[in-house]
Amino acid sequence: MCDIWRIRETREITAADLAPHVEAFRALGVRWVVFSGGEPQMHADLASLSRLLRAEGIRVTLLTAGLLLEPQARLVAGNIDNVIVSLDGPREVHDRIRRIPSAFDRLARGVAALRRLRPEIVVRGRSTVQKANYRCLRETVRAAKAIGLNSISFLAVDVSSEAFNRPQGWTAETQSSVALDSSEVRGLEAEVEAMIEEYADEIAAGYVVESAEKLRRIARHFRAHLNEVAPVAPRCNAPWVSAVIEADGTVRPCFFHRALGNIHEKLLPEILNGYQALEFRRTLDIRTNPVCRRCVCSLYLPPDDVRQLA
């Protein structure tokens, strides 16, 4: 669901790139880093990056498609604190969306390999809801349980932003290939209500991460894309508690907003506490900002959680 794979030249942050910023991480009180992509398991030396961060007491999460978990199980088990895998649905749906034969089975074998090496490691699932899988949310929960995931979360596909290597956004044709039409949104709404009823215990226990209201918000996001309802921004404080560092060193307040600087030119505190960043946060109104109102995901850390991370 992203176009980062279209970038042909190698772009990655090395341990040498990160080393000058370690003191900056201490000054900022960084406590959690997520390796994302593209596919972070294709990084030339993920273990060195992770060791550098974990030596500072920083929690490291791997966000991955899971296709390389089995061959890299020892590396991941020894250097990563917890893992989030992309799960698009049950076996046939997952393989069709991934366009890779046996992608589901490779993911399942990877999770099993991690469990053999480190039974207590937390491996969570994340599913992007779109045209090819909106009818099988309940089956996706069953698939997550079948391969031993600790939880499963859902979010709507992002079709409108310029994030993830889409400088001009997606064309209308590409958007329509993954977004839902009105009839399909009705089908999604029915599936969501059926899941809320069938998996009430799992939702209450947090195995399905989203609340009933957040699950219903996924369908409303598609209705907003069709201009049937007004878009509503999710609750979010990402620009105040986190930052995104892209493979070329670009720093953003989140995946979707404009760049603030580059770690190859300035240290992270200079970027995050420079005039441009301070002014951005001062003037940002999540509720009315057009980028935020179309956002499919959010990060909200309550003050108590921020203090615990610190």
Protein backbone atom coordinates (compact mmCIF):
# COMPACT_ATOMS: atom_id res chain seq x y z
CA MET A 1 0.00 0.00 0.00
CA CYS A 2 3.01 2.29 -0.36
CA ASP A 3 5.22 3.23 -3.30
CA ILE A 4 8.56 3.25 -1.49
CA TRP A 5 9.47 0.06 -3.37
CA ARG A 6 9.55 2.13 -6.57
CA ILE A 7 12.71 3.92 -5.37
CA ARG A 8 15.51 2.18 -7.27
CA GLU A 9 18.60 3.65 -5.64
CA THR A 10 19.61 2.32 -2.23
CA ARG A 11 18.60 4.60 0.61
CA GLU A 12 19.20 3.58 4.20
CA ILE A 13 20.30 5.01 7.51
CA THR A 14 23.50 3.30 8.65
CA ALA A 15 24.83 2.92 12.18
CA ALA A 16 27.54 5.44 11.24
CA ASP A 17 24.82 7.91 10.17
CA LEU A 18 23.02 7.44 13.46
CA ALA A 19 26.01 7.48 15.80
CA PRO A 20 26.40 11.31 15.85
CA HIS A 21 22.76 11.58 16.97
CA VAL A 22 22.97 9.25 19.97
CA GLU A 23 23.63 12.14 22.35
CA ALA A 24 20.69 13.94 20.74
CA PHE A 25 18.46 10.92 21.44
CA ARG A 26 19.51 11.11 25.09
CA ALA A 27 18.76 14.83 25.23
CA LEU A 28 15.34 14.31 23.66
CA GLY A 29 14.52 11.37 25.94
CA VAL A 30 13.90 8.98 23.04
CA ARG A 31 12.55 5.70 24.38
CA TRP A 32 11.02 3.93 21.38
CA VAL A 33 12.11 3.51 17.76
CA VAL A 34 10.12 1.69 15.07
CA PHE A 35 11.98 0.35 12.03
CA SER A 36 9.62 0.73 9.09
CA GLY A 37 10.02 0.88 5.32
CA GLY A 38 9.59 -0.21 2.55
CA GLU A 39 10.91 -3.39 4.09
CA PRO A 40 13.35 -2.83 6.97
CA GLN A 41 14.51 -6.44 6.86
CA MET A 42 16.24 -5.61 3.57
CA HIS A 43 18.52 -3.17 5.43
CA ALA A 44 22.20 -4.04 5.03
CA ASP A 45 22.91 -4.07 8.78
CA LEU A 46 19.75 -3.88 10.85
CA ALA A 47 21.44 -5.57 13.81
CA SER A 48 24.00 -2.76 14.21
CA LEU A 49 21.29 -0.10 14.16
CA SER A 50 19.31 -1.98 16.75
CA ARG A 51 22.29 -2.61 19.03
CA LEU A 52 23.19 1.08 18.93
CA LEU A 53 19.70 2.06 20.04
CA ARG A 54 19.15 -0.69 22.59
CA ALA A 55 22.45 0.18 24.27
CA GLU A 56 20.74 3.49 25.10
CA GLY A 57 17.76 1.70 26.66
CA ILE A 58 15.56 2.45 23.62
CA ARG A 59 12.85 -0.05 22.77
CA VAL A 60 13.10 -1.26 19.16
CA THR A 61 10.08 -2.42 17.14
CA LEU A 62 10.26 -4.02 13.69
CA LEU A 63 7.38 -3.27 11.29
CA THR A 64 7.65 -5.82 8.49
CA ALA A 65 5.82 -7.75 5.78
CA GLY A 66 7.23 -10.86 7.46
CA LEU A 67 8.54 -12.58 4.32
CA LEU A 68 12.10 -12.59 5.69
CA LEU A 69 11.29 -13.45 9.29
CA GLU A 70 12.14 -17.13 8.92
CA PRO A 71 15.64 -16.74 7.40
CA GLN A 72 16.38 -13.82 9.73
CA ALA A 73 14.73 -15.28 12.81
CA ARG A 74 17.93 -15.42 14.86
CA LEU A 75 18.83 -11.81 13.99
CA VAL A 76 15.34 -10.56 14.88
CA ALA A 77 15.03 -12.62 18.06
CA GLY A 78 18.41 -11.38 19.29
CA ASN A 79 18.16 -7.71 18.37
CA ILE A 80 14.49 -6.62 18.24
CA ASP A 81 12.18 -6.10 21.21
CA ASN A 82 8.87 -6.70 19.46
CA VAL A 83 7.50 -7.13 15.94
CA ILE A 84 4.49 -5.89 13.95
CA VAL A 85 3.67 -7.86 10.78
CA SER A 86 1.40 -6.90 7.91
CA LEU A 87 -1.52 -9.32 7.59
CA ASP A 88 -3.89 -8.64 4.69
CA GLY A 89 -6.37 -11.41 5.40
CA PRO A 90 -6.66 -15.19 5.43
CA ARG A 91 -4.21 -17.21 3.31
CA GLU A 92 -5.77 -16.79 -0.16
CA VAL A 93 -6.55 -13.08 0.30
CA HIS A 94 -3.16 -12.29 1.81
CA ASP A 95 -1.31 -14.04 -1.03
CA ARG A 96 -3.42 -12.29 -3.68
CA ILE A 97 -2.84 -8.82 -2.21
CA ARG A 98 0.88 -9.46 -1.70
CA ARG A 99 1.18 -10.94 -5.22
CA ILE A 100 3.65 -13.44 -3.81
CA PRO A 101 2.94 -17.19 -3.82
CA SER A 102 2.80 -18.67 -0.31
CA ALA A 103 3.29 -15.24 1.31
CA PHE A 104 0.92 -16.22 4.14
CA ASP A 105 2.74 -19.48 4.82
CA ARG A 106 6.11 -17.72 4.78
CA LEU A 107 4.77 -15.23 7.32
CA ALA A 108 3.39 -18.04 9.50
CA ARG A 109 6.70 -19.93 9.37
CA GLY A 110 8.56 -16.75 10.30
CA VAL A 111 6.40 -16.17 13.38
CA ALA A 112 6.86 -19.82 14.38
CA ALA A 113 10.64 -19.53 13.96
CA LEU A 114 10.71 -16.49 16.26
CA ARG A 115 8.62 -18.31 18.85
CA ARG A 116 11.02 -21.27 18.85
CA LEU A 117 13.97 -18.98 19.54
CA ARG A 118 12.20 -16.57 21.91
CA PRO A 119 8.76 -17.81 22.99
CA GLU A 120 7.92 -14.59 24.87
CA ILE A 121 8.53 -12.19 21.96
CA VAL A 122 5.44 -10.11 21.15
CA VAL A 123 4.39 -10.28 17.49
CA ARG A 124 1.36 -8.19 16.55
CA GLY A 125 -0.55 -7.97 13.28
CA ARG A 126 -1.67 -4.92 11.33
CA SER A 127 -4.20 -5.13 8.50
CA THR A 128 -4.87 -2.41 5.93
CA VAL A 129 -8.54 -2.47 4.90
CA GLN A 130 -9.15 -1.99 1.17
CA LYS A 131 -11.21 -3.23 -1.77
CA ALA A 132 -9.59 -6.68 -1.86
CA ASN A 133 -10.17 -7.62 1.80
CA TYR A 134 -12.97 -5.52 3.32
CA ARG A 135 -15.36 -8.49 3.45
CA CYS A 136 -13.05 -10.69 5.52
CA LEU A 137 -12.18 -8.78 8.69
CA ARG A 138 -13.43 -11.63 10.89
CA GLU A 139 -11.44 -14.15 8.85
CA THR A 140 -8.39 -11.95 9.34
CA VAL A 141 -8.84 -12.17 13.12
CA ARG A 142 -9.06 -15.95 12.82
CA ALA A 143 -5.93 -15.99 10.65
CA ALA A 144 -4.06 -13.86 13.21
CA LYS A 145 -4.97 -16.33 15.93
CA ALA A 146 -4.04 -19.30 13.76
CA ILE A 147 -0.46 -18.08 13.24
CA GLY A 148 -0.04 -17.09 16.88
CA LEU A 149 -0.11 -13.29 16.76
CA ASN A 150 -0.54 -11.46 20.06
CA SER A 151 -3.06 -9.00 18.59
CA ILE A 152 -4.44 -7.61 15.34
CA SER A 153 -5.25 -4.02 14.41
CA PHE A 154 -7.04 -2.53 11.41
CA LEU A 155 -6.76 0.76 9.53
CA ALA A 156 -8.15 2.10 6.26
CA VAL A 157 -5.92 2.29 3.21
CA ASP A 158 -4.40 5.72 2.62
CA VAL A 159 -5.44 6.82 -0.86
CA SER A 160 -5.24 10.61 -0.69
CA SER A 161 -1.88 11.63 0.82
CA GLU A 162 1.48 12.28 -0.81
CA ALA A 163 3.29 10.17 1.79
CA PHE A 164 5.19 6.95 1.11
CA ASN A 165 6.92 8.14 -2.10
CA ARG A 166 3.83 9.60 -3.78
CA PRO A 167 4.95 13.19 -4.43
CA GLN A 168 1.92 13.89 -6.65
CA GLY A 169 -0.43 11.52 -4.86
CA TRP A 170 -2.18 8.58 -6.47
CA THR A 171 -4.11 8.91 -9.71
CA ALA A 172 -7.89 8.56 -9.61
CA GLU A 173 -7.52 5.18 -11.33
CA THR A 174 -5.11 3.89 -8.69
CA GLN A 175 -7.29 5.23 -5.89
CA SER A 176 -10.36 3.46 -7.27
CA SER A 177 -8.45 0.17 -7.43
CA VAL A 178 -8.12 0.05 -3.63
CA ALA A 179 -10.75 2.45 -2.24
CA LEU A 180 -14.35 1.34 -1.70
CA ASP A 181 -17.42 2.54 -3.58
CA SER A 182 -20.74 3.19 -1.83
CA SER A 183 -21.98 -0.37 -2.19
CA GLU A 184 -18.73 -1.76 -0.87
CA VAL A 185 -18.78 0.63 2.09
CA ARG A 186 -22.17 -0.79 3.03
CA GLY A 187 -20.62 -4.25 2.89
CA LEU A 188 -17.76 -3.09 5.10
CA GLU A 189 -20.19 -1.57 7.60
CA ALA A 190 -22.03 -4.89 7.80
CA GLU A 191 -18.75 -6.77 8.28
CA VAL A 192 -17.64 -4.35 11.01
CA GLU A 193 -20.91 -4.75 12.91
CA ALA A 194 -20.69 -8.53 12.59
CA MET A 195 -17.13 -8.45 13.93
CA ILE A 196 -18.09 -6.19 16.83
CA GLU A 197 -20.75 -8.71 17.82
CA GLU A 198 -18.75 -11.89 17.15
CA TYR A 199 -15.49 -10.68 18.67
CA ALA A 200 -16.80 -8.57 21.53
CA ASP A 201 -14.56 -10.39 24.02
CA GLU A 202 -11.46 -9.96 21.83
CA ILE A 203 -12.19 -6.24 21.42
CA ALA A 204 -12.72 -5.83 25.17
CA ALA A 205 -9.46 -7.70 25.91
CA GLY A 206 -7.48 -5.76 23.32
CA TYR A 207 -6.72 -8.70 21.03
CA VAL A 208 -8.53 -6.67 18.38
CA VAL A 209 -6.78 -3.40 19.16
CA GLU A 210 -9.46 -0.97 17.94
CA SER A 211 -12.57 -0.23 19.92
CA ALA A 212 -15.96 -0.64 18.27
CA GLU A 213 -16.05 3.09 17.56
CA LYS A 214 -12.62 3.05 15.91
CA LEU A 215 -13.64 0.09 13.75
CA ARG A 216 -16.73 2.00 12.60
CA ARG A 217 -14.48 4.98 11.83
CA ILE A 218 -12.76 2.91 9.12
CA ALA A 219 -15.99 2.75 7.13
CA ARG A 220 -16.60 6.46 7.71
CA HIS A 221 -13.16 7.21 6.28
CA PHE A 222 -14.20 5.59 3.00
CA ARG A 223 -17.48 7.53 3.03
CA ALA A 224 -15.49 10.74 3.49
CA HIS A 225 -13.33 9.79 0.51
CA LEU A 226 -16.56 9.51 -1.50
CA ASN A 227 -17.65 12.93 -0.14
CA GLU A 228 -20.69 11.34 1.48
CA VAL A 229 -19.70 12.59 4.94
CA ALA A 230 -17.30 15.24 6.18
CA PRO A 231 -13.80 13.96 7.04
CA VAL A 232 -12.98 13.98 10.75
CA ALA A 233 -9.41 13.96 12.05
CA PRO A 234 -8.53 11.20 14.51
CA ARG A 235 -7.25 12.02 17.96
CA CYS A 236 -3.52 12.51 17.53
CA ASN A 237 -0.50 14.13 19.17
CA ALA A 238 2.18 12.60 16.93
CA PRO A 239 3.98 15.88 16.06
CA TRP A 240 4.43 16.60 19.79
CA VAL A 241 5.65 13.16 20.91
CA SER A 242 7.36 11.59 17.88
CA ALA A 243 9.10 12.16 14.57
CA VAL A 244 9.72 10.25 11.35
CA ILE A 245 13.23 9.90 9.93
CA GLU A 246 13.13 8.68 6.33
CA ALA A 247 15.80 6.55 4.67
CA ASP A 248 17.50 9.60 3.13
CA GLY A 249 17.61 11.39 6.50
CA THR A 250 14.54 13.59 5.95
CA VAL A 251 12.76 14.42 9.22
CA ARG A 252 8.98 14.86 9.35
CA PRO A 253 6.59 15.47 12.26
CA CYS A 254 4.66 12.41 11.03
CA PHE A 255 4.47 10.44 7.79
CA PHE A 256 2.02 12.85 6.19
CA HIS A 257 3.21 16.39 6.90
CA ARG A 258 5.95 18.38 5.18
CA ALA A 259 9.64 17.86 5.96
CA LEU A 260 11.32 19.85 8.72
CA GLY A 261 14.97 19.12 7.92
CA ASN A 262 17.53 16.35 7.41
CA ILE A 263 19.77 14.58 9.95
CA HIS A 264 22.67 14.71 7.49
CA GLU A 265 22.60 18.51 7.79
CA LYS A 266 21.55 19.17 11.40
CA LEU A 267 21.24 17.26 14.65
CA LEU A 268 17.77 16.07 15.55
CA PRO A 269 17.13 18.56 18.41
CA GLU A 270 18.04 21.44 16.11
CA ILE A 271 15.46 20.21 13.63
CA LEU A 272 12.67 19.34 16.05
CA ASN A 273 13.14 22.47 18.15
CA GLY A 274 14.05 24.85 15.34
CA TYR A 275 11.87 27.74 14.27
CA GLN A 276 10.15 25.84 11.44
CA ALA A 277 9.16 22.92 13.66
CA LEU A 278 8.08 25.11 16.58
CA GLU A 279 5.97 27.26 14.29
CA PHE A 280 4.43 24.18 12.67
CA ARG A 281 3.36 22.76 16.02
CA ARG A 282 2.20 26.13 17.31
CA THR A 283 -0.15 26.65 14.37
CA LEU A 284 -1.25 23.03 13.82
CA ASP A 285 -4.91 22.42 14.62
CA ILE A 286 -5.47 18.69 14.20
CA ARG A 287 -9.25 19.11 13.98
CA THR A 288 -9.19 21.51 11.03
CA ASN A 289 -5.96 20.70 9.20
CA PRO A 290 -6.85 19.16 5.79
CA VAL A 291 -4.02 16.61 5.98
CA CYS A 292 -5.05 15.50 9.46
CA ARG A 293 -8.72 15.30 8.53
CA ARG A 294 -7.90 12.77 5.79
CA CYS A 295 -5.46 10.80 7.93
CA VAL A 296 -6.03 7.04 8.20
CA CYS A 297 -3.90 6.52 11.28
CA SER A 298 -2.93 8.40 14.40
CA LEU A 299 -0.57 8.26 17.29
CA TYR A 300 -1.91 9.44 20.61
CA LEU A 301 0.16 8.97 23.73
CA PRO A 302 -1.59 10.20 26.88
CA PRO A 303 0.66 12.18 29.25
CA ASP A 304 0.98 9.21 31.65
CA ASP A 305 2.20 6.96 28.80
CA VAL A 306 4.73 9.59 27.70
CA ARG A 307 6.09 9.75 31.25
CA GLN A 308 6.34 5.93 31.39
CA LEU A 309 8.29 5.86 28.11
CA ALA A 310 10.60 8.56 29.44
